Amino acid sequence: MYQRFGKIFLLAILLLLSGCRNIASEAKEKLQGRLLLWHPFQGKEAETLKLILDDYRELYPQVKIVSESVPEKEIAEQFQQQAQSGLGPDLMISSYFTQIPLIRAGLLRPLTNYDLDLSNYLPRTILQVTHQGNLYGLPFSLNTQVLCYNKTKVNQPPKTLPEIIKELELERQFALASNFLDAFWGVQIFESESDTVKRDFVFNPSIWAAWLEWLQQAKKDPHFILADDPFTLHQAFAEGKLAYYVCKSEEISELKATLGADKLGISTLPGATNRPAGPLLLTRVVLFNRASSPATTQLALELARFLTNGEQQTKLAIQTESLIPANSKVKLDRRLSPIQAVLFAQSKTAVAFSLDYRYQFERAERKYGNLFYNLVLEGVITPKEAALELKQKMAQVRQREANQLEEE
């Protein structure tokens, strides 16, 4: 009796497994079509994307994907030119702040009415694909700043601003780019603890002024280096001339190759007790062409979900050594992936400008931010005067923007 029951049970399991295989096979067959994907990646980043796409092709052989690399500075403009004629890629990976002109031209497919689970993405990145309440893309990867240091010159990197001053006293050079956005990472340190726990950024002139005052004082030490040419700082650090360099995550792969993997150290930026540094968070996003058919858009969304699932995002982080996962559920072991783990940790304290705010802020910053920043460092005006002037200019930009939207 027990043998007969066992045989029946085994047969039931085999039938169940067979049914599951059939369902999986049917699911693969349902996904079919052709997609054109544009991306800005080169080198190791492009190679990693190719590996991920190869995995997708193996899972869904009926989906034909053509992947093309378009230079970062040209990709949005080329998309706009082709999409206006009903052509162009079905989906494109691009920097999030390229979206506004494409949205206003009616060239991007809104995603608001699609059934999408956004819970796996860092909440702040969703702000960077949302315009006036409508969702226009999915977060793909992140870029931010961290502290690069030379292990042959440094035993333990500074964790706070006072510790930076102590490093300067030991004649260890600390270098950062002298421009408004690259030097913005210290603003959050001067906020109150409650202010640092927010989803979007709001410019506070008194806090920016406090950070400028700290920079003014630090600049008096000859080992604190502010240079308006980031490339010069990058080269100096790569040649082993600097102890510390506030670098972008996208530089790390090259620095590892030039300075040497054994010499390059990566740490989160110095902050204060319970107030971490807040470098800018720049999201690369997946955008969808409005000219594509509804069926093609649905297929493109399936591919985007695959590109941003936990497994592929982990592969993206580990293989590229510079791209940070947009998927918040990714787990990176510091022992196995120390650099990638630091980048991921820094991204969680980074400042995220919403798409709407970034567009306005970028206009004001481009015209006025660097101007007031440099006037302060040159001693022409005080930090408080600069902060109030910048606040007024930003208000004027926002008002002009609002007027333009009303006219449209």
Protein backbone atom coordinates (compact mmCIF):
# COMPACT_ATOMS: atom_id res chain seq x y z
CA MET A 1 0.00 0.00 0.00
CA TYR A 2 2.77 2.43 0.97
CA GLN A 3 4.69 1.56 -2.23
CA ARG A 4 1.60 2.25 -4.32
CA PHE A 5 1.05 5.59 -2.54
CA GLY A 6 4.71 6.49 -3.10
CA LYS A 7 4.46 5.77 -6.82
CA ILE A 8 1.31 7.89 -7.11
CA PHE A 9 2.99 10.74 -5.20
CA LEU A 10 6.10 10.54 -7.41
CA LEU A 11 3.94 10.54 -10.54
CA ALA A 12 2.08 13.62 -9.30
CA ILE A 13 5.38 15.45 -8.70
CA LEU A 14 6.62 14.58 -12.19
CA LEU A 15 3.38 15.81 -13.75
CA LEU A 16 3.58 19.03 -11.74
CA LEU A 17 7.19 19.66 -12.82
CA SER A 18 6.26 18.91 -16.40
CA GLY A 19 3.40 21.39 -16.17
CA CYS A 20 5.72 24.05 -14.74
CA ARG A 21 8.17 23.51 -17.60
CA ASN A 22 5.35 23.86 -20.11
CA ILE A 23 4.16 27.11 -18.48
CA ALA A 24 7.72 28.49 -18.48
CA SER A 25 8.15 27.47 -22.12
CA GLU A 26 4.85 29.12 -23.06
CA ALA A 27 5.90 32.31 -21.25
CA LYS A 28 9.11 32.41 -23.27
CA GLU A 29 7.22 31.91 -26.50
CA LYS A 30 4.83 34.75 -25.70
CA LEU A 31 7.72 37.21 -25.50
CA GLN A 32 8.70 37.83 -29.09
CA GLY A 33 9.49 40.81 -31.24
CA ARG A 34 12.32 43.18 -32.09
CA LEU A 35 13.78 45.98 -29.97
CA LEU A 36 16.30 48.70 -30.73
CA LEU A 37 18.20 49.87 -27.63
CA TRP A 38 20.45 52.93 -27.46
CA HIS A 39 22.93 53.43 -24.63
CA PRO A 40 25.93 55.73 -23.95
CA PHE A 41 28.33 53.09 -22.62
CA GLN A 42 31.86 52.31 -23.75
CA GLY A 43 34.53 49.88 -22.59
CA LYS A 44 33.79 47.73 -19.56
CA GLU A 45 30.31 49.24 -19.09
CA ALA A 46 29.33 48.33 -22.67
CA GLU A 47 30.79 44.83 -22.25
CA THR A 48 28.76 44.28 -19.08
CA LEU A 49 25.55 45.46 -20.74
CA LYS A 50 26.24 43.03 -23.58
CA LEU A 51 26.59 40.16 -21.09
CA ILE A 52 23.27 41.08 -19.49
CA LEU A 53 21.55 41.29 -22.88
CA ASP A 54 23.03 37.91 -23.85
CA ASP A 55 21.46 36.42 -20.71
CA TYR A 56 18.12 37.90 -21.75
CA ARG A 57 18.44 36.53 -25.30
CA GLU A 58 19.12 33.07 -23.89
CA LEU A 59 15.99 33.25 -21.75
CA TYR A 60 13.83 34.73 -24.51
CA PRO A 61 15.25 33.66 -27.88
CA GLN A 62 12.20 35.00 -29.74
CA VAL A 63 13.12 38.58 -28.76
CA LYS A 64 15.64 40.13 -31.15
CA ILE A 65 17.59 42.99 -29.53
CA VAL A 66 19.78 45.39 -31.46
CA SER A 67 21.98 47.38 -29.09
CA GLU A 68 23.80 50.52 -30.26
CA SER A 69 26.21 52.79 -28.38
CA VAL A 70 25.69 56.53 -28.95
CA PRO A 71 27.99 59.14 -27.35
CA GLU A 72 26.64 60.57 -24.08
CA LYS A 73 26.67 64.15 -25.39
CA GLU A 74 24.76 63.23 -28.53
CA ILE A 75 22.29 60.55 -27.49
CA ALA A 76 19.38 62.80 -26.42
CA GLU A 77 19.71 65.09 -29.44
CA GLN A 78 19.85 62.17 -31.87
CA PHE A 79 16.85 60.58 -30.15
CA GLN A 80 14.87 63.82 -30.54
CA GLN A 81 15.75 64.15 -34.22
CA GLN A 82 14.72 60.60 -35.07
CA ALA A 83 11.71 60.31 -32.78
CA GLN A 84 10.16 63.41 -34.34
CA SER A 85 10.01 61.42 -37.58
CA GLY A 86 8.55 58.36 -35.86
CA LEU A 87 11.91 56.58 -35.83
CA GLY A 88 14.68 56.06 -33.27
CA PRO A 89 15.18 53.40 -30.60
CA ASP A 90 12.34 51.72 -28.73
CA LEU A 91 14.16 52.35 -25.45
CA MET A 92 17.15 54.47 -24.51
CA ILE A 93 19.44 54.63 -21.48
CA SER A 94 20.31 58.25 -20.78
CA SER A 95 21.02 60.77 -18.00
CA TYR A 96 17.82 61.73 -16.22
CA PHE A 97 18.07 65.48 -16.83
CA THR A 98 17.80 64.98 -20.63
CA GLN A 99 14.11 64.09 -20.21
CA ILE A 100 12.44 67.52 -19.97
CA PRO A 101 12.97 68.65 -23.60
CA LEU A 102 11.90 65.20 -24.84
CA ILE A 103 8.80 65.24 -22.64
CA ARG A 104 7.82 68.72 -23.81
CA ALA A 105 8.26 67.64 -27.41
CA GLY A 106 5.88 64.72 -26.72
CA LEU A 107 8.50 62.13 -27.68
CA LEU A 108 8.55 59.93 -24.55
CA ARG A 109 5.96 57.31 -23.66
CA PRO A 110 4.37 58.07 -20.23
CA LEU A 111 4.33 55.02 -17.98
CA THR A 112 1.77 56.16 -15.43
CA ASN A 113 -0.97 53.83 -16.66
CA TYR A 114 1.24 50.73 -16.84
CA ASP A 115 1.23 48.14 -14.07
CA LEU A 116 4.72 48.70 -12.66
CA ASP A 117 6.21 47.66 -9.33
CA LEU A 118 8.50 50.51 -8.26
CA SER A 119 9.22 49.20 -4.77
CA ASN A 120 12.65 47.81 -5.70
CA TYR A 121 14.04 51.17 -6.77
CA LEU A 122 15.58 53.74 -4.45
CA PRO A 123 12.61 56.09 -3.76
CA ARG A 124 14.66 59.19 -4.57
CA THR A 125 15.41 57.88 -8.07
CA ILE A 126 11.69 57.75 -8.85
CA LEU A 127 11.66 61.53 -8.40
CA GLN A 128 14.14 61.69 -11.25
CA VAL A 129 11.81 59.99 -13.72
CA THR A 130 8.65 61.85 -12.67
CA HIS A 131 7.51 65.11 -14.26
CA GLN A 132 4.37 66.88 -13.06
CA GLY A 133 3.03 63.64 -11.58
CA ASN A 134 3.68 61.46 -14.63
CA LEU A 135 6.23 58.64 -14.72
CA TYR A 136 8.45 58.68 -17.83
CA GLY A 137 11.15 56.10 -17.19
CA LEU A 138 12.75 53.52 -14.92
CA PRO A 139 16.02 54.04 -12.98
CA PHE A 140 18.90 51.99 -14.40
CA SER A 141 22.11 53.00 -12.61
CA LEU A 142 23.50 55.75 -10.40
CA ASN A 143 26.55 57.98 -10.32
CA THR A 144 27.78 60.03 -7.38
CA GLN A 145 30.98 61.21 -5.68
CA VAL A 146 33.15 59.42 -3.12
CA LEU A 147 36.55 59.99 -1.55
CA CYS A 148 39.45 58.45 -3.46
CA TYR A 149 42.69 58.13 -1.53
CA ASN A 150 46.19 56.80 -2.08
CA LYS A 151 46.88 53.89 0.25
CA THR A 152 50.62 54.52 0.12
CA LYS A 153 50.07 57.98 1.64
CA VAL A 154 47.08 57.30 3.91
CA ASN A 155 46.45 54.73 6.64
CA GLN A 156 42.89 55.70 7.58
CA PRO A 157 40.78 58.19 5.55
CA PRO A 158 38.98 61.00 7.42
CA LYS A 159 35.38 60.41 8.45
CA THR A 160 34.51 64.00 9.47
CA LEU A 161 35.39 67.54 8.39
CA PRO A 162 37.61 68.17 11.46
CA GLU A 163 39.58 65.06 10.53
CA ILE A 164 40.25 66.60 7.10
CA ILE A 165 41.91 69.56 8.84
CA LYS A 166 44.10 67.15 10.82
CA GLU A 167 45.15 65.46 7.58
CA LEU A 168 46.10 68.85 6.13
CA GLU A 169 48.27 69.50 9.19
CA LEU A 170 50.10 66.27 8.32
CA GLU A 171 50.77 67.78 4.85
CA ARG A 172 48.45 65.36 3.05
CA GLN A 173 46.85 67.06 0.07
CA PHE A 174 43.06 67.06 -0.14
CA ALA A 175 41.79 68.05 -3.60
CA LEU A 176 38.34 68.78 -5.01
CA ALA A 177 36.99 70.45 -8.12
CA SER A 178 36.24 74.13 -7.62
CA ASN A 179 32.78 74.47 -9.08
CA PHE A 180 29.30 74.77 -7.64
CA LEU A 181 27.99 71.24 -8.27
CA ASP A 182 31.18 69.23 -7.70
CA ALA A 183 31.72 71.00 -4.39
CA PHE A 184 28.10 70.67 -3.30
CA TRP A 185 28.64 67.47 -1.27
CA GLY A 186 29.32 69.29 2.02
CA VAL A 187 26.06 71.25 2.18
CA GLN A 188 24.06 68.43 3.74
CA ILE A 189 26.58 68.16 6.61
CA PHE A 190 25.40 71.52 7.96
CA GLU A 191 21.71 70.62 7.96
CA SER A 192 19.93 69.59 11.13
CA GLU A 193 19.62 65.84 11.60
CA SER A 194 15.88 65.90 10.83
CA ASP A 195 16.48 67.78 7.56
CA THR A 196 18.74 65.05 6.18
CA VAL A 197 15.89 62.54 6.14
CA LYS A 198 13.89 63.80 3.18
CA ARG A 199 13.10 62.61 -0.30
CA ASP A 200 13.72 65.78 -2.31
CA PHE A 201 16.16 68.67 -2.11
CA VAL A 202 15.24 72.25 -1.33
CA PHE A 203 17.93 74.94 -1.56
CA ASN A 204 18.59 76.54 1.82
CA PRO A 205 20.82 79.64 1.50
CA SER A 206 21.95 79.72 5.14
CA ILE A 207 23.14 76.09 5.00
CA TRP A 208 25.00 76.66 1.71
CA ALA A 209 26.61 79.74 3.28
CA ALA A 210 27.82 77.67 6.26
CA TRP A 211 29.49 75.19 3.89
CA LEU A 212 31.12 78.04 1.95
CA GLU A 213 32.51 79.45 5.19
CA TRP A 214 34.10 76.07 5.95
CA LEU A 215 35.62 75.94 2.45
CA GLN A 216 37.00 79.46 2.91
CA GLN A 217 38.78 78.45 6.10
CA ALA A 218 40.10 75.17 4.67
CA LYS A 219 41.40 76.96 1.58
CA LYS A 220 43.85 78.89 3.75
CA ASP A 221 45.89 75.71 4.12
CA PRO A 222 48.16 75.18 1.08
CA HIS A 223 47.47 71.43 1.16
CA PHE A 224 43.74 72.00 0.55
CA ILE A 225 43.54 72.17 -3.24
CA LEU A 226 40.64 73.70 -5.15
CA ALA A 227 41.03 73.59 -8.94
CA ASP A 228 38.51 74.59 -11.59
CA ASP A 229 39.75 71.86 -13.95
CA PRO A 230 38.61 68.41 -12.72
CA PHE A 231 40.76 66.68 -15.37
CA THR A 232 43.92 68.20 -13.87
CA LEU A 233 43.01 66.82 -10.44
CA HIS A 234 42.18 63.43 -11.91
CA GLN A 235 45.58 63.26 -13.61
CA ALA A 236 47.47 64.43 -10.52
CA PHE A 237 45.81 61.77 -8.38
CA ALA A 238 46.34 59.08 -11.02
CA GLU A 239 50.06 59.95 -11.06
CA GLY A 240 50.28 59.52 -7.28
CA LYS A 241 50.76 63.22 -6.48
CA LEU A 242 47.73 63.59 -4.16
CA ALA A 243 46.69 61.86 -0.96
CA TYR A 244 42.96 62.57 -1.36
CA TYR A 245 40.74 63.40 -4.30
CA VAL A 246 36.94 63.85 -4.31
CA CYS A 247 36.21 61.71 -7.35
CA LYS A 248 33.16 60.67 -9.33
CA SER A 249 32.17 57.01 -9.26
CA GLU A 250 32.51 56.86 -13.05
CA GLU A 251 36.26 57.64 -12.70
CA ILE A 252 37.07 54.68 -10.48
CA SER A 253 37.65 52.04 -13.13
CA GLU A 254 40.23 54.20 -14.90
CA LEU A 255 41.90 55.27 -11.63
CA LYS A 256 42.19 51.64 -10.62
CA ALA A 257 44.01 50.94 -13.87
CA THR A 258 46.30 53.98 -13.81
CA LEU A 259 47.12 54.41 -10.12
CA GLY A 260 46.99 50.68 -9.43
CA ALA A 261 44.42 48.50 -7.68
CA ASP A 262 46.74 48.01 -4.72
CA LYS A 263 47.11 51.79 -4.19
CA LEU A 264 43.54 53.00 -4.77
CA GLY A 265 41.36 53.36 -1.69
CA ILE A 266 37.69 54.34 -1.74
CA SER A 267 35.73 55.74 1.19
CA THR A 268 32.48 57.59 1.73
CA LEU A 269 32.95 61.36 1.88
CA PRO A 270 33.67 62.90 5.30
CA GLY A 271 30.62 64.21 7.14
CA ALA A 272 29.67 64.86 10.75
CA THR A 273 28.14 62.80 13.56
CA ASN A 274 24.68 61.69 12.34
CA ARG A 275 25.01 64.00 9.33
CA PRO A 276 26.59 62.28 6.32
CA ALA A 277 27.96 64.07 3.29
CA GLY A 278 25.46 64.52 0.48
CA PRO A 279 27.02 64.41 -2.99
CA LEU A 280 24.65 64.80 -5.91
CA LEU A 281 22.92 61.65 -7.12
CA LEU A 282 22.78 61.39 -10.90
CA THR A 283 20.54 58.66 -12.26
CA ARG A 284 20.79 57.03 -15.65
CA VAL A 285 17.31 56.03 -16.69
CA VAL A 286 15.56 53.85 -19.24
CA LEU A 287 13.26 55.94 -21.46
CA PHE A 288 10.66 54.72 -23.97
CA ASN A 289 9.90 56.06 -27.45
CA ARG A 290 6.33 57.22 -27.91
CA ALA A 291 6.57 56.30 -31.59
CA SER A 292 6.88 52.60 -30.72
CA SER A 293 3.70 50.52 -30.87
CA PRO A 294 1.94 49.59 -27.60
CA ALA A 295 3.06 45.96 -28.04
CA THR A 296 6.68 47.01 -28.60
CA THR A 297 6.54 49.32 -25.57
CA GLN A 298 5.27 46.43 -23.44
CA LEU A 299 8.14 44.28 -24.69
CA ALA A 300 10.60 47.11 -23.96
CA LEU A 301 9.23 47.34 -20.42
CA GLU A 302 9.84 43.63 -19.92
CA LEU A 303 13.45 44.13 -20.97
CA ALA A 304 13.79 47.14 -18.65
CA ARG A 305 12.48 45.07 -15.73
CA PHE A 306 15.10 42.44 -16.49
CA LEU A 307 17.90 45.02 -16.71
CA THR A 308 16.96 46.40 -13.31
CA ASN A 309 16.27 43.19 -11.37
CA GLY A 310 18.50 42.35 -8.42
CA GLU A 311 20.65 39.76 -10.20
CA GLN A 312 21.46 41.93 -13.21
CA GLN A 313 22.03 45.04 -11.10
CA THR A 314 24.49 43.13 -8.94
CA LYS A 315 26.32 42.00 -12.06
CA LEU A 316 26.34 45.60 -13.32
CA ALA A 317 27.95 46.85 -10.10
CA ILE A 318 30.58 44.13 -9.77
CA GLN A 319 31.60 43.92 -13.42
CA THR A 320 31.81 47.66 -14.17
CA GLU A 321 33.29 48.69 -10.77
CA SER A 322 31.76 52.14 -11.29
CA LEU A 323 28.02 51.94 -12.00
CA ILE A 324 25.90 51.91 -8.83
CA PRO A 325 22.71 49.81 -8.73
CA ALA A 326 19.40 51.65 -8.81
CA ASN A 327 17.77 48.56 -7.29
CA SER A 328 17.70 49.12 -3.53
CA LYS A 329 17.42 45.38 -2.78
CA VAL A 330 20.93 44.62 -4.05
CA LYS A 331 23.30 43.29 -1.36
CA LEU A 332 27.04 43.79 -1.80
CA ASP A 333 29.54 42.14 0.53
CA ARG A 334 32.31 44.56 1.55
CA ARG A 335 34.74 41.65 1.82
CA LEU A 336 34.17 40.52 -1.76
CA SER A 337 33.30 43.85 -3.41
CA PRO A 338 34.73 46.60 -1.18
CA ILE A 339 34.66 49.43 -3.74
CA GLN A 340 31.17 48.64 -4.99
CA ALA A 341 29.85 48.40 -1.42
CA VAL A 342 31.21 51.87 -0.60
CA LEU A 343 29.63 53.34 -3.75
CA PHE A 344 26.28 51.77 -2.90
CA ALA A 345 26.48 53.07 0.69
CA GLN A 346 27.33 56.60 -0.50
CA SER A 347 24.41 56.60 -2.95
CA LYS A 348 22.01 56.11 -0.05
CA THR A 349 23.06 59.45 1.54
CA ALA A 350 23.39 61.34 -1.74
CA VAL A 351 21.22 64.35 -2.56
CA ALA A 352 18.63 63.72 -5.27
CA PHE A 353 17.20 66.67 -7.17
CA SER A 354 13.79 65.79 -8.53
CA LEU A 355 13.45 66.00 -12.30
CA ASP A 356 11.38 69.20 -12.10
CA TYR A 357 13.69 70.87 -9.60
CA ARG A 358 16.91 69.75 -11.31
CA TYR A 359 15.88 71.40 -14.57
CA GLN A 360 15.26 74.72 -12.83
CA PHE A 361 18.28 74.40 -10.55
CA GLU A 362 20.59 73.47 -13.43
CA ARG A 363 19.62 76.62 -15.30
CA ALA A 364 20.27 78.82 -12.30
CA GLU A 365 23.48 77.02 -11.39
CA ARG A 366 24.87 77.23 -14.91
CA LYS A 367 24.39 80.99 -15.02
CA TYR A 368 24.85 82.05 -11.40
CA GLY A 369 26.03 79.18 -9.15
CA ASN A 370 29.67 79.10 -10.20
CA LEU A 371 29.78 82.90 -10.32
CA PHE A 372 28.78 83.38 -6.67
CA TYR A 373 30.78 80.35 -5.55
CA ASN A 374 33.99 81.77 -7.00
CA LEU A 375 33.28 85.31 -5.77
CA VAL A 376 33.10 83.94 -2.23
CA LEU A 377 36.33 81.96 -2.52
CA GLU A 378 38.07 85.02 -3.95
CA GLY A 379 36.87 87.09 -1.01
CA VAL A 380 34.81 89.52 -3.11
CA ILE A 381 31.53 88.86 -1.27
CA THR A 382 30.62 87.00 1.91
CA PRO A 383 29.02 83.52 1.89
CA LYS A 384 25.76 84.95 3.27
CA GLU A 385 25.60 87.62 0.56
CA ALA A 386 26.26 85.01 -2.13
CA ALA A 387 23.61 82.65 -0.74
CA LEU A 388 20.91 85.33 -0.70
CA GLU A 389 21.81 86.48 -4.21
CA LEU A 390 21.66 82.92 -5.53
CA LYS A 391 18.31 82.31 -3.84
CA GLN A 392 16.86 85.38 -5.57
CA LYS A 393 18.23 84.32 -8.96
CA MET A 394 16.83 80.81 -8.54
CA ALA A 395 13.42 82.27 -7.68
CA GLN A 396 13.52 84.33 -10.87
CA VAL A 397 14.38 81.24 -12.94
CA ARG A 398 11.50 79.29 -11.36
CA GLN A 399 9.08 82.14 -12.08
CA ARG A 400 10.14 82.32 -15.72
CA GLU A 401 9.74 78.58 -15.94
CA ALA A 402 6.22 78.77 -14.47
CA ASN A 403 5.27 81.54 -16.91
CA GLN A 404 6.55 79.48 -19.83
CA LEU A 405 4.48 76.47 -18.74
CA GLU A 406 1.34 78.65 -18.52
CA GLU A 407 1.95 79.93 -22.05
CA GLU A 408 2.29 76.35 -23.31
